[in-house]
Amino acid sequence: MTDEAGLLVRIGGFGIAAGVLYWILSRFEPFGTIALLLLGLGPGFAGVFLLRHAGKQGQLPSRRDTLRHLAGLPPPDPAGPSDMEDHDLGVLPLPSIWPFALSLGMAILVTGLIFGLWLVILGTATTAYSTWGWLAAAIREQHYGRLLTDQPQTPGQARR
């Protein structure tokens, strides 16, 4: 089973369960019930179609792997040790205050659209400065690499 089919079947099951529960709790309200059932039937139909199409092409894995996909669990790790050089690993950026400052500037800017021009100016300035700081930090990290902070430093060594 493909990941797409598993996701669509799970969405379909949620929509149908939510539709039935809504029908019972809303005392038989038709519009919301139909909307939720359609939410379940649409993706559910697409997921079942993908499953049948994979079955006709002989690409269905074992029943246990199919249940793992339906539950949304990742595939099991292969047996034995693995060499990390074989994997394409991404490097996470260093922690920074700049994403928070940028979101704060955007919040001030949007709030200024409601309350006045002075907040728009303050939000624009905060957003611009935060964007500049975040990009500068990312470029600096990309250009110079990560600084190793876990190595002991000698007293004559300056911290960067």
C-alpha atoms as a PDB file:
ATOM      1  CA  MET A   1       0.000   0.000   0.000  1.00  0.00           C
ATOM      2  CA  THR A   2       1.282   3.415  -0.800  1.00  0.00           C
ATOM      3  CA  ASP A   3       1.466   6.201   1.730  1.00  0.00           C
ATOM      4  CA  GLU A   4      -1.080   8.176  -0.283  1.00  0.00           C
ATOM      5  CA  ALA A   5      -3.627   5.384  -0.216  1.00  0.00           C
ATOM      6  CA  GLY A   6      -3.171   4.901   3.526  1.00  0.00           C
ATOM      7  CA  LEU A   7      -3.653   8.619   4.185  1.00  0.00           C
ATOM      8  CA  LEU A   8      -6.758   8.800   2.003  1.00  0.00           C
ATOM      9  CA  VAL A   9      -8.314   5.746   3.657  1.00  0.00           C
ATOM     10  CA  ARG A  10      -7.632   7.225   7.116  1.00  0.00           C
ATOM     11  CA  ILE A  11      -9.208  10.554   6.103  1.00  0.00           C
ATOM     12  CA  GLY A  12     -12.181   8.670   4.695  1.00  0.00           C
ATOM     13  CA  GLY A  13     -12.647   6.690   7.883  1.00  0.00           C
ATOM     14  CA  PHE A  14     -12.465   9.867   9.956  1.00  0.00           C
ATOM     15  CA  GLY A  15     -15.031  11.639   7.753  1.00  0.00           C
ATOM     16  CA  ILE A  16     -17.495   8.755   7.911  1.00  0.00           C
ATOM     17  CA  ALA A  17     -17.085   8.343  11.683  1.00  0.00           C
ATOM     18  CA  ALA A  18     -17.452  12.104  12.210  1.00  0.00           C
ATOM     19  CA  GLY A  19     -20.536  12.164   9.967  1.00  0.00           C
ATOM     20  CA  VAL A  20     -22.254   9.365  11.873  1.00  0.00           C
ATOM     21  CA  LEU A  21     -21.351  10.901  15.228  1.00  0.00           C
ATOM     22  CA  TYR A  22     -22.542  14.321  14.076  1.00  0.00           C
ATOM     23  CA  TRP A  23     -25.833  12.839  12.854  1.00  0.00           C
ATOM     24  CA  ILE A  24     -26.454  11.279  16.257  1.00  0.00           C
ATOM     25  CA  LEU A  25     -25.349  14.259  18.356  1.00  0.00           C
ATOM     26  CA  SER A  26     -27.081  16.920  16.261  1.00  0.00           C
ATOM     27  CA  ARG A  27     -30.355  15.039  16.413  1.00  0.00           C
ATOM     28  CA  PHE A  28     -30.508  14.157  12.736  1.00  0.00           C
ATOM     29  CA  GLU A  29     -29.396  17.479  11.189  1.00  0.00           C
ATOM     30  CA  PRO A  30     -29.053  16.648   7.460  1.00  0.00           C
ATOM     31  CA  PHE A  31     -26.745  19.300   5.955  1.00  0.00           C
ATOM     32  CA  GLY A  32     -23.722  18.834   8.233  1.00  0.00           C
ATOM     33  CA  THR A  33     -24.168  15.083   8.193  1.00  0.00           C
ATOM     34  CA  ILE A  34     -24.101  14.967   4.393  1.00  0.00           C
ATOM     35  CA  ALA A  35     -21.070  17.271   4.274  1.00  0.00           C
ATOM     36  CA  LEU A  36     -19.101  15.122   6.703  1.00  0.00           C
ATOM     37  CA  LEU A  37     -20.094  11.894   4.972  1.00  0.00           C
ATOM     38  CA  LEU A  38     -18.968  13.337   1.648  1.00  0.00           C
ATOM     39  CA  LEU A  39     -15.700  14.319   3.335  1.00  0.00           C
ATOM     40  CA  GLY A  40     -15.306  10.657   4.185  1.00  0.00           C
ATOM     41  CA  LEU A  41     -16.564   9.126   0.967  1.00  0.00           C
ATOM     42  CA  GLY A  42     -14.458  11.234  -1.419  1.00  0.00           C
ATOM     43  CA  PRO A  43     -10.986  10.505  -0.062  1.00  0.00           C
ATOM     44  CA  GLY A  44     -12.078   7.010   0.990  1.00  0.00           C
ATOM     45  CA  PHE A  45     -13.092   6.216  -2.582  1.00  0.00           C
ATOM     46  CA  ALA A  46      -9.798   7.576  -3.899  1.00  0.00           C
ATOM     47  CA  GLY A  47      -7.845   5.517  -1.342  1.00  0.00           C
ATOM     48  CA  VAL A  48      -9.707   2.318  -2.210  1.00  0.00           C
ATOM     49  CA  PHE A  49      -9.136   3.038  -5.912  1.00  0.00           C
ATOM     50  CA  LEU A  50      -5.387   3.404  -5.302  1.00  0.00           C
ATOM     51  CA  LEU A  51      -5.369   0.153  -3.323  1.00  0.00           C
ATOM     52  CA  ARG A  52      -7.178  -1.759  -6.072  1.00  0.00           C
ATOM     53  CA  HIS A  53      -4.938  -0.244  -8.741  1.00  0.00           C
ATOM     54  CA  ALA A  54      -1.813  -1.280  -6.781  1.00  0.00           C
ATOM     55  CA  GLY A  55      -3.311  -4.765  -6.308  1.00  0.00           C
ATOM     56  CA  LYS A  56      -3.857  -5.194 -10.042  1.00  0.00           C
ATOM     57  CA  GLN A  57      -0.238  -4.250 -10.704  1.00  0.00           C
ATOM     58  CA  GLY A  58       0.993  -6.688  -8.059  1.00  0.00           C
ATOM     59  CA  GLN A  59       2.518  -3.953  -5.871  1.00  0.00           C
ATOM     60  CA  LEU A  60       0.669  -4.746  -2.655  1.00  0.00           C
ATOM     61  CA  PRO A  61       2.977  -5.583   0.246  1.00  0.00           C
ATOM     62  CA  SER A  62       2.230  -8.111   2.947  1.00  0.00           C
ATOM     63  CA  ARG A  63      -0.878  -7.806   5.096  1.00  0.00           C
ATOM     64  CA  ARG A  64       1.231  -6.664   8.065  1.00  0.00           C
ATOM     65  CA  ASP A  65       2.798  -3.824   6.061  1.00  0.00           C
ATOM     66  CA  THR A  66      -0.656  -2.837   4.812  1.00  0.00           C
ATOM     67  CA  LEU A  67      -1.908  -2.572   8.397  1.00  0.00           C
ATOM     68  CA  ARG A  68       1.143  -0.493   9.311  1.00  0.00           C
ATOM     69  CA  HIS A  69       0.367   1.910   6.456  1.00  0.00           C
ATOM     70  CA  LEU A  70      -3.289   2.139   7.452  1.00  0.00           C
ATOM     71  CA  ALA A  71      -2.276   2.970  11.020  1.00  0.00           C
ATOM     72  CA  GLY A  72       0.168   5.595   9.769  1.00  0.00           C
ATOM     73  CA  LEU A  73       3.232   3.896  11.265  1.00  0.00           C
ATOM     74  CA  PRO A  74       6.637   4.206   9.592  1.00  0.00           C
ATOM     75  CA  PRO A  75       8.211   1.130   8.010  1.00  0.00           C
ATOM     76  CA  PRO A  76      10.360  -0.988  10.324  1.00  0.00           C
ATOM     77  CA  ASP A  77      14.095  -0.446  10.418  1.00  0.00           C
ATOM     78  CA  PRO A  78      16.173  -2.967   8.498  1.00  0.00           C
ATOM     79  CA  ALA A  79      18.024  -5.576  10.503  1.00  0.00           C
ATOM     80  CA  GLY A  80      21.662  -5.000  11.328  1.00  0.00           C
ATOM     81  CA  PRO A  81      23.792  -1.907  11.659  1.00  0.00           C
ATOM     82  CA  SER A  82      23.581   0.785   9.028  1.00  0.00           C
ATOM     83  CA  ASP A  83      26.232   3.097   7.726  1.00  0.00           C
ATOM     84  CA  MET A  84      25.064   6.703   8.024  1.00  0.00           C
ATOM     85  CA  GLU A  85      27.130   7.715   4.984  1.00  0.00           C
ATOM     86  CA  ASP A  86      24.639   5.866   2.788  1.00  0.00           C
ATOM     87  CA  HIS A  87      21.759   8.093   3.894  1.00  0.00           C
ATOM     88  CA  ASP A  88      21.020  11.577   2.637  1.00  0.00           C
ATOM     89  CA  LEU A  89      20.785  13.450   5.916  1.00  0.00           C
ATOM     90  CA  GLY A  90      19.711  17.052   6.271  1.00  0.00           C
ATOM     91  CA  VAL A  91      21.350  19.421   8.698  1.00  0.00           C
ATOM     92  CA  LEU A  92      19.105  21.430  10.963  1.00  0.00           C
ATOM     93  CA  PRO A  93      19.960  25.095  11.415  1.00  0.00           C
ATOM     94  CA  LEU A  94      21.153  26.370  14.745  1.00  0.00           C
ATOM     95  CA  PRO A  95      18.522  27.701  17.152  1.00  0.00           C
ATOM     96  CA  SER A  96      17.831  31.392  16.701  1.00  0.00           C
ATOM     97  CA  ILE A  97      15.557  34.147  17.989  1.00  0.00           C
ATOM     98  CA  TRP A  98      14.967  35.521  14.475  1.00  0.00           C
ATOM     99  CA  PRO A  99      11.940  33.378  13.513  1.00  0.00           C
ATOM    100  CA  PHE A 100      10.149  34.493  16.670  1.00  0.00           C
ATOM    101  CA  ALA A 101      11.092  38.135  16.047  1.00  0.00           C
ATOM    102  CA  LEU A 102       9.831  37.886  12.471  1.00  0.00           C
ATOM    103  CA  SER A 103       6.502  36.404  13.551  1.00  0.00           C
ATOM    104  CA  LEU A 104       6.173  39.115  16.222  1.00  0.00           C
ATOM    105  CA  GLY A 105       6.820  41.791  13.582  1.00  0.00           C
ATOM    106  CA  MET A 106       4.221  40.265  11.267  1.00  0.00           C
ATOM    107  CA  ALA A 107       1.683  40.142  14.109  1.00  0.00           C
ATOM    108  CA  ILE A 108       2.320  43.807  14.931  1.00  0.00           C
ATOM    109  CA  LEU A 109       2.033  44.722  11.238  1.00  0.00           C
ATOM    110  CA  VAL A 110      -1.313  42.917  10.791  1.00  0.00           C
ATOM    111  CA  THR A 111      -2.621  44.360  14.056  1.00  0.00           C
ATOM    112  CA  GLY A 112      -1.637  47.786  12.777  1.00  0.00           C
ATOM    113  CA  LEU A 113      -3.978  47.344   9.831  1.00  0.00           C
ATOM    114  CA  ILE A 114      -6.796  47.378  12.384  1.00  0.00           C
ATOM    115  CA  PHE A 115      -5.599  49.865  14.993  1.00  0.00           C
ATOM    116  CA  GLY A 116      -3.529  52.470  13.190  1.00  0.00           C
ATOM    117  CA  LEU A 117      -0.636  53.560  11.049  1.00  0.00           C
ATOM    118  CA  TRP A 118       1.889  53.750  13.881  1.00  0.00           C
ATOM    119  CA  LEU A 119       1.621  49.982  14.441  1.00  0.00           C
ATOM    120  CA  VAL A 120       2.014  49.360  10.718  1.00  0.00           C
ATOM    121  CA  ILE A 121       5.254  51.363  10.750  1.00  0.00           C
ATOM    122  CA  LEU A 122       6.516  49.571  13.873  1.00  0.00           C
ATOM    123  CA  GLY A 123       5.534  46.162  12.455  1.00  0.00           C
ATOM    124  CA  THR A 124       7.151  46.880   9.101  1.00  0.00           C
ATOM    125  CA  ALA A 125      10.384  47.962  10.790  1.00  0.00           C
ATOM    126  CA  THR A 126      10.412  44.908  13.084  1.00  0.00           C
ATOM    127  CA  THR A 127       9.647  42.577  10.181  1.00  0.00           C
ATOM    128  CA  ALA A 128      12.365  44.084   7.980  1.00  0.00           C
ATOM    129  CA  TYR A 129      14.995  43.987  10.742  1.00  0.00           C
ATOM    130  CA  SER A 130      14.076  40.413  11.706  1.00  0.00           C
ATOM    131  CA  THR A 131      14.191  39.245   8.097  1.00  0.00           C
ATOM    132  CA  TRP A 132      17.616  40.845   7.677  1.00  0.00           C
ATOM    133  CA  GLY A 133      18.878  39.282  10.917  1.00  0.00           C
ATOM    134  CA  TRP A 134      17.574  35.817  10.050  1.00  0.00           C
ATOM    135  CA  LEU A 135      19.037  35.883   6.546  1.00  0.00           C
ATOM    136  CA  ALA A 136      22.363  37.197   7.845  1.00  0.00           C
ATOM    137  CA  ALA A 137      22.521  34.421  10.447  1.00  0.00           C
ATOM    138  CA  ALA A 138      21.656  31.770   7.843  1.00  0.00           C
ATOM    139  CA  ILE A 139      24.236  33.092   5.375  1.00  0.00           C
ATOM    140  CA  ARG A 140      26.871  33.294   8.122  1.00  0.00           C
ATOM    141  CA  GLU A 141      26.128  29.715   9.179  1.00  0.00           C
ATOM    142  CA  GLN A 142      26.201  28.503   5.571  1.00  0.00           C
ATOM    143  CA  HIS A 143      29.430  30.337   4.771  1.00  0.00           C
ATOM    144  CA  TYR A 144      31.456  29.660   7.898  1.00  0.00           C
ATOM    145  CA  GLY A 145      29.842  26.432   9.046  1.00  0.00           C
ATOM    146  CA  ARG A 146      28.820  25.545  12.554  1.00  0.00           C
ATOM    147  CA  LEU A 147      30.918  26.718  15.435  1.00  0.00           C
ATOM    148  CA  LEU A 148      31.831  23.911  17.763  1.00  0.00           C
ATOM    149  CA  THR A 149      30.801  25.042  21.215  1.00  0.00           C
ATOM    150  CA  ASP A 150      31.287  21.720  22.939  1.00  0.00           C
ATOM    151  CA  GLN A 151      35.088  21.786  22.563  1.00  0.00           C
ATOM    152  CA  PRO A 152      37.014  23.215  25.494  1.00  0.00           C
ATOM    153  CA  GLN A 153      38.538  26.573  24.708  1.00  0.00           C
ATOM    154  CA  THR A 154      41.876  27.801  25.867  1.00  0.00           C
ATOM    155  CA  PRO A 155      41.985  31.161  27.662  1.00  0.00           C
ATOM    156  CA  GLY A 156      43.696  32.847  24.704  1.00  0.00           C
ATOM    157  CA  GLN A 157      41.055  31.661  22.207  1.00  0.00           C
ATOM    158  CA  ALA A 158      38.342  34.198  21.467  1.00  0.00           C
ATOM    159  CA  ARG A 159      34.782  33.007  21.186  1.00  0.00           C
ATOM    160  CA  ARG A 160      33.097  33.792  17.898  1.00  0.00           C
END
